[in-house]
Amino acid sequence: MSPLTASRITDIDRLVPEITALVDRGGMAAVAIAGPPGSGKSTIAADLRARVGDSCCVVPMDGFHLDNDTLAARGLLAVKGAPDTFDLAGFTGLVDDLKSGTVRHFPTFDRDADSVVERGGVVPDGVSVLLFEGNYLLFDEQGWRELAGMWDAALWLDVPEGVLQDRLTQRWLDQGMSSQDALARAQMNDLVNARRVIEQAMPATWTLPN
């Protein structure tokens, strides 16, 4: 089912009162920000966090990339970023633990070092809204689809494929790749994952063109 059945918005300010209203239901509100690689999830998450204020914390799914040695041993290093290159069980457990308040630290991902930073993030005191961001938070495949039931609301970022390709190519250029290698990496891995995410996206609460 397409996430485009969600409420389509163009003004991110509209999300702020709707997100903060979730807290009135009690407990910790969990909001997913999902979309294909290159859709701007981390940027939108940071923007929303700033607008909502200190009661909000961003938790990226990228902290659950499997390490490169593990991926190499499984023959998956070349497709890093695909669903089976993440620690799904670890991420699911973290969502539960953060929502219940039993843990406060979470791993992050250092893109320059291409590695996970254990305990790289922390949920500050007074937080009542958790913004989880990642490619597969609305992904309709076994194991992943269960995540959808953990969100109080979800935002899908809708981006044309041509824009995704430009952004993903630039991402690899910024990592020092040549133009040819950067484009090849974007087309042979990142865009393959992007199409898979888009084709198997579950419904969201809101859809934002980005």
N, C-alpha and C. Protein backbone atom coordinates (compact mmCIF):
# COMPACT_ATOMS: atom_id res chain seq x y z
N MET A 1 0.84 -1.20 0.00
CA MET A 1 0.00 0.00 0.00
C MET A 1 0.88 1.24 0.00
N SER A 2 0.53 2.21 -0.79
CA SER A 2 1.35 3.41 -0.93
C SER A 2 1.19 4.34 0.26
N PRO A 3 2.30 4.97 0.72
CA PRO A 3 2.18 5.96 1.78
C PRO A 3 1.51 7.24 1.32
N LEU A 4 1.29 7.37 -0.01
CA LEU A 4 0.67 8.58 -0.52
C LEU A 4 -0.81 8.67 -0.16
N THR A 5 -1.35 7.61 0.50
CA THR A 5 -2.71 7.68 1.02
C THR A 5 -2.76 8.53 2.29
N ALA A 6 -1.60 8.93 2.79
CA ALA A 6 -1.53 9.75 4.00
C ALA A 6 -1.95 11.18 3.71
N SER A 7 -2.07 11.96 4.78
CA SER A 7 -2.35 13.39 4.65
C SER A 7 -1.12 14.07 4.07
N ARG A 8 -1.27 14.70 2.91
CA ARG A 8 -0.14 15.32 2.23
C ARG A 8 0.02 16.76 2.71
N ILE A 9 1.22 17.09 3.19
CA ILE A 9 1.45 18.42 3.73
C ILE A 9 2.62 19.06 2.98
N THR A 10 2.66 20.37 3.00
CA THR A 10 3.78 21.08 2.39
C THR A 10 4.43 22.04 3.39
N ASP A 11 3.78 22.29 4.51
CA ASP A 11 4.30 23.21 5.52
C ASP A 11 4.68 22.41 6.76
N ILE A 12 5.98 22.30 7.01
CA ILE A 12 6.45 21.49 8.13
C ILE A 12 5.98 22.04 9.47
N ASP A 13 5.68 23.33 9.55
CA ASP A 13 5.18 23.92 10.80
C ASP A 13 3.88 23.27 11.24
N ARG A 14 3.12 22.78 10.28
CA ARG A 14 1.84 22.15 10.61
C ARG A 14 2.04 20.89 11.46
N LEU A 15 3.19 20.27 11.31
CA LEU A 15 3.44 19.02 12.05
C LEU A 15 3.67 19.26 13.54
N VAL A 16 4.17 20.42 13.89
CA VAL A 16 4.58 20.66 15.28
C VAL A 16 3.42 20.47 16.26
N PRO A 17 2.28 21.14 16.09
CA PRO A 17 1.19 20.92 17.05
C PRO A 17 0.64 19.50 17.00
N GLU A 18 0.66 18.88 15.83
CA GLU A 18 0.15 17.51 15.73
C GLU A 18 1.06 16.53 16.47
N ILE A 19 2.37 16.78 16.40
CA ILE A 19 3.31 15.92 17.12
C ILE A 19 3.21 16.14 18.62
N THR A 20 3.19 17.38 19.03
CA THR A 20 3.13 17.65 20.48
C THR A 20 1.81 17.18 21.07
N ALA A 21 0.75 17.15 20.27
CA ALA A 21 -0.54 16.65 20.77
C ALA A 21 -0.48 15.17 21.11
N LEU A 22 0.44 14.44 20.49
CA LEU A 22 0.57 13.01 20.78
C LEU A 22 0.95 12.76 22.24
N VAL A 23 1.67 13.72 22.81
CA VAL A 23 2.13 13.56 24.20
C VAL A 23 0.96 13.56 25.16
N ASP A 24 -0.14 14.22 24.79
CA ASP A 24 -1.31 14.29 25.66
C ASP A 24 -1.93 12.92 25.90
N ARG A 25 -1.57 11.95 25.04
CA ARG A 25 -2.10 10.60 25.22
C ARG A 25 -1.40 9.87 26.37
N GLY A 26 -0.31 10.45 26.84
CA GLY A 26 0.43 9.85 27.94
C GLY A 26 1.64 9.09 27.48
N GLY A 27 2.66 9.04 28.33
CA GLY A 27 3.87 8.31 28.01
C GLY A 27 4.75 9.04 27.01
N MET A 28 5.70 8.30 26.44
CA MET A 28 6.63 8.84 25.46
C MET A 28 6.06 8.65 24.06
N ALA A 29 5.97 9.74 23.30
CA ALA A 29 5.45 9.65 21.93
C ALA A 29 6.58 9.25 20.99
N ALA A 30 6.30 8.29 20.13
CA ALA A 30 7.29 7.80 19.16
C ALA A 30 6.79 8.11 17.75
N VAL A 31 7.57 8.92 17.02
CA VAL A 31 7.20 9.33 15.67
C VAL A 31 8.28 8.85 14.70
N ALA A 32 7.88 8.18 13.64
CA ALA A 32 8.82 7.70 12.63
C ALA A 32 8.92 8.70 11.49
N ILE A 33 10.15 8.92 11.02
CA ILE A 33 10.40 9.70 9.81
C ILE A 33 11.07 8.74 8.83
N ALA A 34 10.34 8.37 7.79
CA ALA A 34 10.80 7.32 6.88
C ALA A 34 10.86 7.83 5.45
N GLY A 35 11.67 7.14 4.65
CA GLY A 35 11.81 7.49 3.25
C GLY A 35 13.04 6.81 2.69
N PRO A 36 13.22 6.84 1.38
CA PRO A 36 14.37 6.19 0.76
C PRO A 36 15.67 6.91 1.10
N PRO A 37 16.81 6.26 0.88
CA PRO A 37 18.09 6.95 1.08
C PRO A 37 18.16 8.19 0.20
N GLY A 38 18.64 9.29 0.78
CA GLY A 38 18.74 10.54 0.04
C GLY A 38 17.49 11.39 0.11
N SER A 39 16.48 10.97 0.86
CA SER A 39 15.24 11.73 0.91
C SER A 39 15.28 12.89 1.90
N GLY A 40 16.33 12.97 2.72
CA GLY A 40 16.48 14.09 3.64
C GLY A 40 15.94 13.83 5.02
N LYS A 41 15.92 12.56 5.43
CA LYS A 41 15.34 12.21 6.74
C LYS A 41 16.06 12.90 7.90
N SER A 42 17.38 12.84 7.90
CA SER A 42 18.11 13.43 9.03
C SER A 42 17.94 14.94 9.07
N THR A 43 17.87 15.58 7.91
CA THR A 43 17.68 17.03 7.86
C THR A 43 16.31 17.42 8.38
N ILE A 44 15.27 16.71 7.92
CA ILE A 44 13.92 16.99 8.38
C ILE A 44 13.78 16.69 9.86
N ALA A 45 14.40 15.60 10.31
CA ALA A 45 14.32 15.25 11.73
C ALA A 45 14.95 16.35 12.59
N ALA A 46 16.10 16.86 12.16
CA ALA A 46 16.76 17.92 12.91
C ALA A 46 15.92 19.20 12.91
N ASP A 47 15.29 19.48 11.77
CA ASP A 47 14.43 20.66 11.66
C ASP A 47 13.24 20.54 12.60
N LEU A 48 12.60 19.37 12.59
CA LEU A 48 11.45 19.17 13.47
C LEU A 48 11.84 19.23 14.94
N ARG A 49 12.99 18.65 15.24
CA ARG A 49 13.46 18.67 16.62
C ARG A 49 13.63 20.12 17.10
N ALA A 50 14.21 20.95 16.25
CA ALA A 50 14.41 22.36 16.61
C ALA A 50 13.08 23.08 16.80
N ARG A 51 12.11 22.74 15.98
CA ARG A 51 10.80 23.41 16.06
C ARG A 51 10.01 22.95 17.27
N VAL A 52 10.09 21.65 17.59
CA VAL A 52 9.35 21.13 18.74
C VAL A 52 10.01 21.58 20.04
N GLY A 53 11.36 21.60 20.04
CA GLY A 53 12.07 22.10 21.20
C GLY A 53 12.73 21.01 22.03
N ASP A 54 13.09 21.37 23.26
CA ASP A 54 13.88 20.48 24.10
C ASP A 54 13.14 19.24 24.57
N SER A 55 11.85 19.18 24.36
CA SER A 55 11.09 17.99 24.73
C SER A 55 11.21 16.88 23.69
N CYS A 56 12.02 17.14 22.64
CA CYS A 56 12.12 16.23 21.49
C CYS A 56 13.56 15.76 21.30
N CYS A 57 13.73 14.49 20.92
CA CYS A 57 15.06 13.92 20.66
C CYS A 57 15.00 13.07 19.39
N VAL A 58 16.04 13.17 18.55
CA VAL A 58 16.13 12.39 17.31
C VAL A 58 16.96 11.13 17.56
N VAL A 59 16.43 9.99 17.10
CA VAL A 59 17.13 8.70 17.22
C VAL A 59 17.26 8.09 15.82
N PRO A 60 18.47 8.05 15.23
CA PRO A 60 18.64 7.51 13.88
C PRO A 60 18.78 5.99 13.87
N MET A 61 18.14 5.37 12.89
CA MET A 61 18.27 3.91 12.72
C MET A 61 19.67 3.52 12.25
N ASP A 62 20.41 4.46 11.67
CA ASP A 62 21.74 4.16 11.12
C ASP A 62 22.71 3.64 12.17
N GLY A 63 22.42 3.88 13.45
CA GLY A 63 23.27 3.34 14.49
C GLY A 63 23.24 1.83 14.57
N PHE A 64 22.36 1.20 13.78
CA PHE A 64 22.24 -0.26 13.79
C PHE A 64 22.73 -0.90 12.50
N HIS A 65 23.57 -0.18 11.74
CA HIS A 65 24.33 -0.82 10.67
C HIS A 65 25.17 -1.94 11.27
N LEU A 66 25.18 -3.11 10.65
CA LEU A 66 26.14 -4.14 11.05
C LEU A 66 27.54 -3.68 10.66
N ASP A 67 28.54 -4.07 11.45
CA ASP A 67 29.90 -3.60 11.18
C ASP A 67 30.43 -4.23 9.89
N ASN A 68 31.42 -3.57 9.30
CA ASN A 68 31.91 -3.97 7.99
C ASN A 68 32.52 -5.37 7.98
N ASP A 69 33.14 -5.78 9.07
CA ASP A 69 33.71 -7.13 9.13
C ASP A 69 32.61 -8.18 9.06
N THR A 70 31.51 -7.93 9.77
CA THR A 70 30.38 -8.85 9.73
C THR A 70 29.77 -8.90 8.34
N LEU A 71 29.61 -7.73 7.73
CA LEU A 71 29.03 -7.68 6.39
C LEU A 71 29.93 -8.39 5.38
N ALA A 72 31.25 -8.19 5.50
CA ALA A 72 32.18 -8.86 4.58
C ALA A 72 32.10 -10.37 4.74
N ALA A 73 32.00 -10.84 5.97
CA ALA A 73 31.94 -12.28 6.23
C ALA A 73 30.66 -12.88 5.66
N ARG A 74 29.61 -12.09 5.58
CA ARG A 74 28.33 -12.57 5.06
C ARG A 74 28.16 -12.27 3.57
N GLY A 75 29.17 -11.65 2.96
CA GLY A 75 29.08 -11.31 1.55
C GLY A 75 28.13 -10.17 1.26
N LEU A 76 27.94 -9.28 2.24
CA LEU A 76 26.95 -8.21 2.11
C LEU A 76 27.56 -6.81 2.08
N LEU A 77 28.88 -6.71 2.13
CA LEU A 77 29.49 -5.39 2.23
C LEU A 77 29.15 -4.51 1.03
N ALA A 78 29.07 -5.12 -0.15
CA ALA A 78 28.79 -4.34 -1.38
C ALA A 78 27.38 -3.80 -1.41
N VAL A 79 26.48 -4.35 -0.57
CA VAL A 79 25.09 -3.88 -0.57
C VAL A 79 24.75 -3.25 0.78
N LYS A 80 25.76 -2.68 1.44
CA LYS A 80 25.52 -2.03 2.73
C LYS A 80 24.41 -1.00 2.60
N GLY A 81 23.48 -1.05 3.51
CA GLY A 81 22.31 -0.19 3.45
C GLY A 81 21.05 -0.95 3.09
N ALA A 82 21.18 -2.19 2.59
CA ALA A 82 20.02 -3.04 2.33
C ALA A 82 19.44 -3.50 3.66
N PRO A 83 18.19 -3.96 3.69
CA PRO A 83 17.55 -4.32 4.95
C PRO A 83 18.32 -5.33 5.79
N ASP A 84 18.92 -6.34 5.13
CA ASP A 84 19.60 -7.38 5.89
C ASP A 84 21.01 -6.99 6.32
N THR A 85 21.37 -5.72 6.15
CA THR A 85 22.67 -5.25 6.65
C THR A 85 22.50 -4.43 7.94
N PHE A 86 21.31 -4.50 8.53
CA PHE A 86 21.03 -3.83 9.79
C PHE A 86 20.71 -4.86 10.87
N ASP A 87 20.95 -4.46 12.12
CA ASP A 87 20.59 -5.26 13.28
C ASP A 87 19.15 -4.92 13.65
N LEU A 88 18.20 -5.58 13.01
CA LEU A 88 16.78 -5.28 13.23
C LEU A 88 16.36 -5.58 14.66
N ALA A 89 16.80 -6.72 15.19
CA ALA A 89 16.42 -7.09 16.56
C ALA A 89 16.93 -6.06 17.56
N GLY A 90 18.16 -5.60 17.35
CA GLY A 90 18.73 -4.60 18.24
C GLY A 90 17.96 -3.29 18.18
N PHE A 91 17.60 -2.88 16.97
CA PHE A 91 16.87 -1.63 16.83
C PHE A 91 15.47 -1.73 17.45
N THR A 92 14.79 -2.84 17.20
CA THR A 92 13.46 -3.03 17.77
C THR A 92 13.51 -2.98 19.29
N GLY A 93 14.51 -3.65 19.86
CA GLY A 93 14.66 -3.62 21.31
C GLY A 93 14.91 -2.23 21.83
N LEU A 94 15.71 -1.45 21.10
CA LEU A 94 16.00 -0.09 21.52
C LEU A 94 14.74 0.77 21.52
N VAL A 95 13.91 0.63 20.49
CA VAL A 95 12.68 1.40 20.43
C VAL A 95 11.84 1.14 21.68
N ASP A 96 11.67 -0.13 22.01
CA ASP A 96 10.90 -0.49 23.21
C ASP A 96 11.52 0.11 24.46
N ASP A 97 12.84 -0.02 24.58
CA ASP A 97 13.53 0.45 25.78
C ASP A 97 13.48 1.96 25.92
N LEU A 98 13.64 2.68 24.81
CA LEU A 98 13.57 4.14 24.88
C LEU A 98 12.16 4.61 25.21
N LYS A 99 11.17 3.96 24.63
CA LYS A 99 9.79 4.34 24.90
C LYS A 99 9.41 4.11 26.36
N SER A 100 9.95 3.03 26.94
CA SER A 100 9.64 2.71 28.33
C SER A 100 10.52 3.48 29.31
N GLY A 101 11.60 4.10 28.80
CA GLY A 101 12.50 4.85 29.65
C GLY A 101 13.51 4.01 30.39
N THR A 102 13.67 2.73 30.00
CA THR A 102 14.61 1.86 30.70
C THR A 102 16.05 2.08 30.25
N VAL A 103 16.25 2.71 29.09
CA VAL A 103 17.59 3.10 28.65
C VAL A 103 17.52 4.54 28.14
N ARG A 104 18.66 5.20 28.10
CA ARG A 104 18.72 6.56 27.59
C ARG A 104 19.72 6.71 26.45
N HIS A 105 20.73 5.86 26.39
CA HIS A 105 21.75 5.97 25.34
C HIS A 105 21.38 5.13 24.11
N PHE A 106 21.86 5.56 22.96
CA PHE A 106 21.63 4.83 21.73
C PHE A 106 22.83 5.01 20.80
N PRO A 107 23.07 4.05 19.91
CA PRO A 107 24.21 4.17 18.99
C PRO A 107 23.91 5.14 17.85
N THR A 108 24.95 5.74 17.30
CA THR A 108 24.84 6.60 16.13
C THR A 108 25.81 6.09 15.06
N PHE A 109 25.81 6.74 13.91
CA PHE A 109 26.66 6.30 12.81
C PHE A 109 27.52 7.45 12.33
N ASP A 110 28.83 7.20 12.25
CA ASP A 110 29.79 8.18 11.73
C ASP A 110 30.00 7.89 10.25
N ARG A 111 29.42 8.70 9.38
CA ARG A 111 29.50 8.44 7.94
C ARG A 111 30.94 8.56 7.43
N ASP A 112 31.69 9.51 7.95
CA ASP A 112 33.07 9.68 7.50
C ASP A 112 33.93 8.47 7.85
N ALA A 113 33.73 7.90 9.03
CA ALA A 113 34.49 6.73 9.45
C ALA A 113 33.82 5.43 9.00
N ASP A 114 32.60 5.54 8.48
CA ASP A 114 31.83 4.38 8.04
C ASP A 114 31.70 3.34 9.16
N SER A 115 31.38 3.82 10.35
CA SER A 115 31.28 2.91 11.49
C SER A 115 30.30 3.44 12.53
N VAL A 116 29.80 2.51 13.32
CA VAL A 116 28.86 2.84 14.39
C VAL A 116 29.60 3.39 15.60
N VAL A 117 29.00 4.37 16.25
CA VAL A 117 29.52 4.92 17.50
C VAL A 117 28.61 4.43 18.63
N GLU A 118 29.07 3.47 19.40
CA GLU A 118 28.27 2.95 20.50
C GLU A 118 28.01 4.07 21.52
N ARG A 119 26.78 4.12 22.02
CA ARG A 119 26.38 5.15 22.99
C ARG A 119 26.70 6.55 22.47
N GLY A 120 26.54 6.73 21.16
CA GLY A 120 26.84 8.02 20.55
C GLY A 120 25.79 9.07 20.81
N GLY A 121 24.59 8.64 21.23
CA GLY A 121 23.52 9.60 21.51
C GLY A 121 22.89 9.32 22.86
N VAL A 122 22.23 10.32 23.40
CA VAL A 122 21.56 10.17 24.69
C VAL A 122 20.26 10.95 24.67
N VAL A 123 19.24 10.39 25.29
CA VAL A 123 17.96 11.08 25.44
C VAL A 123 18.03 11.96 26.68
N PRO A 124 17.98 13.28 26.52
CA PRO A 124 18.09 14.17 27.69
C PRO A 124 16.88 14.07 28.62
N ASP A 125 17.05 14.56 29.81
CA ASP A 125 15.93 14.65 30.75
C ASP A 125 14.84 15.54 30.16
N GLY A 126 13.61 15.21 30.44
CA GLY A 126 12.49 16.05 30.02
C GLY A 126 11.98 15.76 28.63
N VAL A 127 12.55 14.78 27.93
CA VAL A 127 12.10 14.47 26.56
C VAL A 127 10.80 13.67 26.61
N SER A 128 9.84 14.06 25.79
CA SER A 128 8.57 13.34 25.71
C SER A 128 8.22 12.93 24.28
N VAL A 129 9.05 13.35 23.32
CA VAL A 129 8.84 12.99 21.91
C VAL A 129 10.14 12.42 21.34
N LEU A 130 10.08 11.21 20.84
CA LEU A 130 11.21 10.58 20.17
C LEU A 130 10.95 10.55 18.67
N LEU A 131 11.85 11.16 17.90
CA LEU A 131 11.75 11.13 16.44
C LEU A 131 12.73 10.08 15.93
N PHE A 132 12.22 8.93 15.51
CA PHE A 132 13.05 7.88 14.93
C PHE A 132 13.13 8.12 13.43
N GLU A 133 14.34 8.10 12.87
CA GLU A 133 14.46 8.31 11.42
C GLU A 133 15.26 7.19 10.78
N GLY A 134 14.76 6.71 9.62
CA GLY A 134 15.47 5.62 8.94
C GLY A 134 14.74 5.17 7.69
N ASN A 135 15.45 4.46 6.84
CA ASN A 135 14.88 4.00 5.57
C ASN A 135 13.71 3.04 5.74
N TYR A 136 13.81 2.16 6.73
CA TYR A 136 12.94 0.99 6.76
C TYR A 136 11.90 1.03 7.88
N LEU A 137 11.56 2.20 8.36
CA LEU A 137 10.63 2.29 9.48
C LEU A 137 9.18 2.04 9.07
N LEU A 138 8.90 2.07 7.77
CA LEU A 138 7.57 1.74 7.24
C LEU A 138 7.69 0.67 6.15
N PHE A 139 8.61 -0.25 6.34
CA PHE A 139 8.96 -1.21 5.30
C PHE A 139 8.12 -2.47 5.44
N ASP A 140 7.42 -2.83 4.38
CA ASP A 140 6.48 -3.96 4.43
C ASP A 140 7.16 -5.27 4.02
N GLU A 141 8.08 -5.73 4.87
CA GLU A 141 8.68 -7.05 4.72
C GLU A 141 8.72 -7.71 6.09
N GLN A 142 8.82 -9.04 6.09
CA GLN A 142 8.80 -9.78 7.34
C GLN A 142 9.82 -9.23 8.33
N GLY A 143 9.38 -9.07 9.57
CA GLY A 143 10.25 -8.52 10.61
C GLY A 143 10.14 -7.01 10.67
N TRP A 144 10.33 -6.36 9.54
CA TRP A 144 10.31 -4.90 9.49
C TRP A 144 8.90 -4.35 9.66
N ARG A 145 7.90 -5.04 9.10
CA ARG A 145 6.55 -4.47 9.13
C ARG A 145 6.02 -4.33 10.55
N GLU A 146 6.57 -5.13 11.47
CA GLU A 146 6.12 -5.02 12.86
C GLU A 146 6.48 -3.68 13.48
N LEU A 147 7.48 -3.01 12.94
CA LEU A 147 7.86 -1.70 13.46
C LEU A 147 6.71 -0.69 13.37
N ALA A 148 5.89 -0.81 12.32
CA ALA A 148 4.83 0.18 12.10
C ALA A 148 3.91 0.29 13.30
N GLY A 149 3.72 -0.81 14.03
CA GLY A 149 2.85 -0.80 15.19
C GLY A 149 3.45 -0.11 16.40
N MET A 150 4.73 0.26 16.31
CA MET A 150 5.41 0.91 17.44
C MET A 150 5.33 2.43 17.36
N TRP A 151 4.85 2.97 16.22
CA TRP A 151 4.83 4.42 16.05
C TRP A 151 3.47 5.00 16.41
N ASP A 152 3.49 6.12 17.11
CA ASP A 152 2.25 6.85 17.37
C ASP A 152 1.83 7.64 16.13
N ALA A 153 2.78 7.95 15.28
CA ALA A 153 2.53 8.63 14.00
C ALA A 153 3.77 8.44 13.14
N ALA A 154 3.60 8.65 11.83
CA ALA A 154 4.73 8.46 10.92
C ALA A 154 4.67 9.46 9.78
N LEU A 155 5.84 9.96 9.41
CA LEU A 155 5.99 10.90 8.30
C LEU A 155 6.78 10.22 7.19
N TRP A 156 6.25 10.28 5.97
CA TRP A 156 6.92 9.74 4.79
C TRP A 156 7.43 10.89 3.94
N LEU A 157 8.70 10.82 3.52
CA LEU A 157 9.28 11.85 2.67
C LEU A 157 9.23 11.40 1.21
N ASP A 158 8.56 12.19 0.41
CA ASP A 158 8.30 11.85 -1.00
C ASP A 158 9.25 12.66 -1.90
N VAL A 159 10.18 11.97 -2.54
CA VAL A 159 11.21 12.63 -3.35
C VAL A 159 11.32 11.93 -4.70
N PRO A 160 11.34 12.66 -5.82
CA PRO A 160 11.50 12.05 -7.15
C PRO A 160 12.83 11.31 -7.26
N GLU A 161 12.84 10.25 -8.07
CA GLU A 161 14.05 9.43 -8.19
C GLU A 161 15.23 10.23 -8.73
N GLY A 162 14.99 11.13 -9.65
CA GLY A 162 16.09 11.92 -10.20
C GLY A 162 16.77 12.77 -9.13
N VAL A 163 15.96 13.31 -8.21
CA VAL A 163 16.52 14.10 -7.11
C VAL A 163 17.32 13.20 -6.17
N LEU A 164 16.77 12.01 -5.91
CA LEU A 164 17.50 11.05 -5.07
C LEU A 164 18.86 10.72 -5.66
N GLN A 165 18.89 10.47 -6.97
CA GLN A 165 20.16 10.12 -7.62
C GLN A 165 21.18 11.25 -7.47
N ASP A 166 20.74 12.48 -7.67
CA ASP A 166 21.66 13.62 -7.54
C ASP A 166 22.20 13.71 -6.11
N ARG A 167 21.33 13.57 -5.15
CA ARG A 167 21.75 13.69 -3.75
C ARG A 167 22.69 12.56 -3.35
N LEU A 168 22.36 11.34 -3.78
CA LEU A 168 23.16 10.18 -3.40
C LEU A 168 24.53 10.21 -4.07
N THR A 169 24.56 10.67 -5.31
CA THR A 169 25.84 10.83 -6.00
C THR A 169 26.70 11.86 -5.28
N GLN A 170 26.08 12.98 -4.89
CA GLN A 170 26.83 14.02 -4.18
C GLN A 170 27.35 13.50 -2.84
N ARG A 171 26.58 12.63 -2.20
CA ARG A 171 27.02 12.06 -0.92
C ARG A 171 28.35 11.33 -1.09
N TRP A 172 28.50 10.57 -2.19
CA TRP A 172 29.75 9.82 -2.42
C TRP A 172 30.85 10.75 -2.92
N LEU A 173 30.49 11.79 -3.65
CA LEU A 173 31.49 12.78 -4.04
C LEU A 173 32.09 13.44 -2.79
N ASP A 174 31.23 13.69 -1.82
CA ASP A 174 31.69 14.30 -0.58
C ASP A 174 32.61 13.37 0.22
N GLN A 175 32.52 12.07 -0.08
CA GLN A 175 33.41 11.10 0.58
C GLN A 175 34.71 10.89 -0.20
N GLY A 176 34.90 11.68 -1.27
CA GLY A 176 36.16 11.63 -2.01
C GLY A 176 36.16 10.76 -3.24
N MET A 177 35.02 10.22 -3.65
CA MET A 177 34.96 9.39 -4.85
C MET A 177 35.03 10.25 -6.10
N SER A 178 35.46 9.64 -7.20
CA SER A 178 35.41 10.32 -8.49
C SER A 178 33.96 10.42 -8.94
N SER A 179 33.70 11.28 -9.92
CA SER A 179 32.33 11.44 -10.42
C SER A 179 31.78 10.13 -10.95
N GLN A 180 32.61 9.38 -11.68
CA GLN A 180 32.16 8.12 -12.26
C GLN A 180 31.85 7.10 -11.18
N ASP A 181 32.73 6.97 -10.20
CA ASP A 181 32.52 6.00 -9.13
C ASP A 181 31.34 6.38 -8.25
N ALA A 182 31.18 7.67 -8.01
CA ALA A 182 30.07 8.14 -7.16
C ALA A 182 28.73 7.83 -7.81
N LEU A 183 28.62 8.09 -9.11
CA LEU A 183 27.38 7.81 -9.82
C LEU A 183 27.11 6.31 -9.86
N ALA A 184 28.16 5.53 -10.08
CA ALA A 184 28.00 4.07 -10.13
C ALA A 184 27.53 3.54 -8.78
N ARG A 185 28.11 4.04 -7.71
CA ARG A 185 27.72 3.59 -6.37
C ARG A 185 26.26 3.94 -6.08
N ALA A 186 25.87 5.14 -6.48
CA ALA A 186 24.49 5.56 -6.26
C ALA A 186 23.52 4.69 -7.05
N GLN A 187 23.85 4.41 -8.31
CA GLN A 187 22.94 3.66 -9.17
C GLN A 187 22.89 2.18 -8.85
N MET A 188 24.02 1.60 -8.49
CA MET A 188 24.09 0.14 -8.32
C MET A 188 23.70 -0.33 -6.93
N ASN A 189 23.71 0.58 -5.94
CA ASN A 189 23.36 0.15 -4.59
C ASN A 189 22.28 1.05 -3.98
N ASP A 190 22.56 2.32 -3.85
CA ASP A 190 21.64 3.21 -3.14
C ASP A 190 20.27 3.31 -3.81
N LEU A 191 20.24 3.48 -5.13
CA LEU A 191 18.96 3.60 -5.81
C LEU A 191 18.21 2.28 -5.85
N VAL A 192 18.93 1.17 -5.85
CA VAL A 192 18.27 -0.14 -5.75
C VAL A 192 17.52 -0.23 -4.43
N ASN A 193 18.19 0.16 -3.34
CA ASN A 193 17.54 0.17 -2.04
C ASN A 193 16.39 1.17 -2.00
N ALA A 194 16.59 2.33 -2.62
CA ALA A 194 15.55 3.36 -2.62
C ALA A 194 14.27 2.85 -3.30
N ARG A 195 14.42 2.21 -4.44
CA ARG A 195 13.23 1.70 -5.14
C ARG A 195 12.52 0.65 -4.29
N ARG A 196 13.28 -0.17 -3.61
CA ARG A 196 12.70 -1.21 -2.76
C ARG A 196 11.92 -0.58 -1.61
N VAL A 197 12.48 0.44 -1.00
CA VAL A 197 11.82 1.15 0.10
C VAL A 197 10.51 1.76 -0.38
N ILE A 198 10.54 2.42 -1.54
CA ILE A 198 9.36 3.09 -2.07
C ILE A 198 8.27 2.09 -2.44
N GLU A 199 8.66 1.01 -3.12
CA GLU A 199 7.69 0.03 -3.59
C GLU A 199 7.02 -0.73 -2.45
N GLN A 200 7.70 -0.83 -1.31
CA GLN A 200 7.16 -1.63 -0.20
C GLN A 200 6.90 -0.77 1.03
N ALA A 201 6.53 0.47 0.79
CA ALA A 201 6.23 1.39 1.90
C ALA A 201 4.81 1.18 2.41
N MET A 202 4.68 1.17 3.74
CA MET A 202 3.37 1.07 4.37
C MET A 202 2.80 2.48 4.58
N PRO A 203 1.49 2.58 4.87
CA PRO A 203 0.88 3.91 5.02
C PRO A 203 1.51 4.73 6.14
N ALA A 204 1.56 6.04 5.92
CA ALA A 204 2.07 6.98 6.90
C ALA A 204 0.94 7.89 7.37
N THR A 205 1.17 8.61 8.45
CA THR A 205 0.20 9.59 8.92
C THR A 205 0.22 10.82 8.02
N TRP A 206 1.45 11.24 7.64
CA TRP A 206 1.63 12.41 6.79
C TRP A 206 2.65 12.08 5.71
N THR A 207 2.52 12.74 4.56
CA THR A 207 3.50 12.67 3.49
C THR A 207 3.98 14.09 3.19
N LEU A 208 5.31 14.24 3.13
CA LEU A 208 5.91 15.57 2.89
C LEU A 208 6.78 15.51 1.65
N PRO A 209 6.49 16.28 0.60
CA PRO A 209 7.41 16.36 -0.54
C PRO A 209 8.70 17.03 -0.11
N ASN A 210 9.83 16.45 -0.50
CA ASN A 210 11.11 17.01 -0.04
C ASN A 210 12.16 16.90 -1.14
